[in-house]
């Protein structure tokens, strides 16, 4: 089954020009498994099994989102929110990421 490209980016993704995107993320560290949990307060909500200690959750977040979007880890960087649940990530990609991969089917605001 092929995914249809989203016509406009979702509320949690902002195009900043050329190859730059900003991604608003709400993180729930210490979950049983890595998973997407819909949209929460204008952010894509991500559950991570990594603890919120020693920057482990931030590293796991970048790795998880890179794999979901089909990007390399070095294309995603934490821009703000190092010690908060709400984070802003900078995404650099020559093509628009497939945001549909971050929206669980049938998801509503959490």
Protein backbone atom coordinates (compact mmCIF):
# COMPACT_ATOMS: atom_id res chain seq x y z
CA UNK A 1 0.00 0.00 0.00
CA UNK A 2 1.45 3.37 -0.96
CA UNK A 3 1.08 6.39 1.26
CA UNK A 4 -0.37 9.55 -0.15
CA UNK A 5 1.77 12.64 0.41
CA UNK A 6 0.28 15.16 2.83
CA UNK A 7 -0.59 18.33 0.88
CA UNK A 8 0.40 20.65 3.72
CA UNK A 9 2.69 19.85 6.64
CA UNK A 10 0.94 18.91 9.90
CA UNK A 11 0.66 21.47 12.70
CA UNK A 12 3.81 20.17 14.40
CA UNK A 13 6.07 20.71 11.33
CA UNK A 14 7.10 24.11 9.98
CA UNK A 15 9.00 24.75 6.77
CA UNK A 16 11.75 27.29 7.50
CA UNK A 17 13.10 27.61 3.95
CA UNK A 18 15.08 25.59 1.41
CA UNK A 19 15.96 22.32 3.20
CA UNK A 20 15.10 23.34 6.78
CA UNK A 21 12.16 22.22 8.91
CA UNK A 22 11.26 22.67 12.57
CA UNK A 23 9.50 19.84 14.33
CA UNK A 24 7.60 20.33 17.60
CA UNK A 25 7.76 17.20 19.74
CA UNK A 26 6.31 16.20 23.13
CA UNK A 27 8.34 13.39 24.70
CA UNK A 28 7.23 10.83 27.25
CA UNK A 29 10.42 9.10 28.45
CA UNK A 30 10.43 5.82 30.37
CA UNK A 31 7.63 4.21 28.34
CA UNK A 32 7.46 0.46 27.77
CA UNK A 33 8.39 0.86 24.10
CA UNK A 34 9.16 3.51 21.52
CA UNK A 35 5.93 4.57 19.87
CA UNK A 36 4.01 7.47 18.39
CA UNK A 37 1.04 8.65 20.43
CA UNK A 38 -0.72 11.15 18.17
CA UNK A 39 -0.72 14.92 18.55
CA UNK A 40 -0.61 16.68 21.92
CA UNK A 41 -0.64 20.46 22.40
CA UNK A 42 0.43 21.09 18.80
CA UNK A 43 3.31 18.60 19.02
CA UNK A 44 3.78 15.08 17.77
CA UNK A 45 3.83 12.97 20.93
CA UNK A 46 6.56 10.34 21.13
CA UNK A 47 6.83 7.68 23.81
CA UNK A 48 10.40 6.51 24.42
CA UNK A 49 11.67 3.61 26.48
CA UNK A 50 14.86 5.54 27.26
CA UNK A 51 15.05 7.26 30.65
CA UNK A 52 15.15 11.05 30.97
CA UNK A 53 18.65 10.93 32.45
CA UNK A 54 22.10 11.62 31.01
CA UNK A 55 20.63 12.85 27.68
CA UNK A 56 19.53 9.27 26.86
CA UNK A 57 15.96 10.22 25.92
CA UNK A 58 17.16 13.01 23.62
CA UNK A 59 19.52 10.66 21.78
CA UNK A 60 16.80 8.03 21.53
CA UNK A 61 14.36 10.64 20.20
CA UNK A 62 16.68 11.71 17.37
CA UNK A 63 17.40 8.09 16.47
CA UNK A 64 13.73 7.07 16.56
CA UNK A 65 12.49 10.01 14.48
CA UNK A 66 15.29 9.58 11.94
CA UNK A 67 14.27 5.96 11.43
CA UNK A 68 10.57 6.88 11.17
CA UNK A 69 11.24 9.61 8.60
CA UNK A 70 13.84 7.64 6.64
CA UNK A 71 16.59 10.15 7.41
CA UNK A 72 20.09 9.91 8.85
CA UNK A 73 20.54 10.84 12.51
CA UNK A 74 22.81 13.73 11.58
CA UNK A 75 19.91 15.31 9.65
CA UNK A 76 17.97 15.84 12.90
CA UNK A 77 19.26 17.97 15.77
CA UNK A 78 17.77 19.02 19.07
CA UNK A 79 17.36 22.77 18.87
CA UNK A 80 15.62 23.51 22.18
CA UNK A 81 14.07 21.73 25.13
CA UNK A 82 17.06 19.65 26.23
CA UNK A 83 15.61 19.17 29.75
CA UNK A 84 11.91 19.63 28.92
CA UNK A 85 9.29 17.30 27.56
CA UNK A 86 8.45 19.82 24.84
CA UNK A 87 11.25 19.99 22.29
CA UNK A 88 11.98 21.64 18.97
CA UNK A 89 14.03 19.67 16.49
CA UNK A 90 15.73 21.01 13.38
CA UNK A 91 15.37 18.72 10.36
CA UNK A 92 17.58 19.21 7.31
CA UNK A 93 16.51 17.31 4.22
CA UNK A 94 16.74 17.99 0.49
CA UNK A 95 13.23 16.56 0.15
CA UNK A 96 10.19 17.13 2.32
CA UNK A 97 10.02 14.39 4.96
CA UNK A 98 7.04 12.04 4.81
CA UNK A 99 5.14 13.52 7.76
CA UNK A 100 2.45 10.85 7.33
CA UNK A 101 4.89 8.44 9.02
CA UNK A 102 4.57 10.46 12.25
CA UNK A 103 0.78 10.44 12.34
CA UNK A 104 -0.64 7.12 13.56
CA UNK A 105 -3.62 6.05 11.45
CA UNK A 106 -6.90 7.12 13.01
CA UNK A 107 -5.16 9.29 15.58
CA UNK A 108 -6.83 12.21 17.26
CA UNK A 109 -5.44 14.75 19.67
CA UNK A 110 -4.40 13.03 22.87
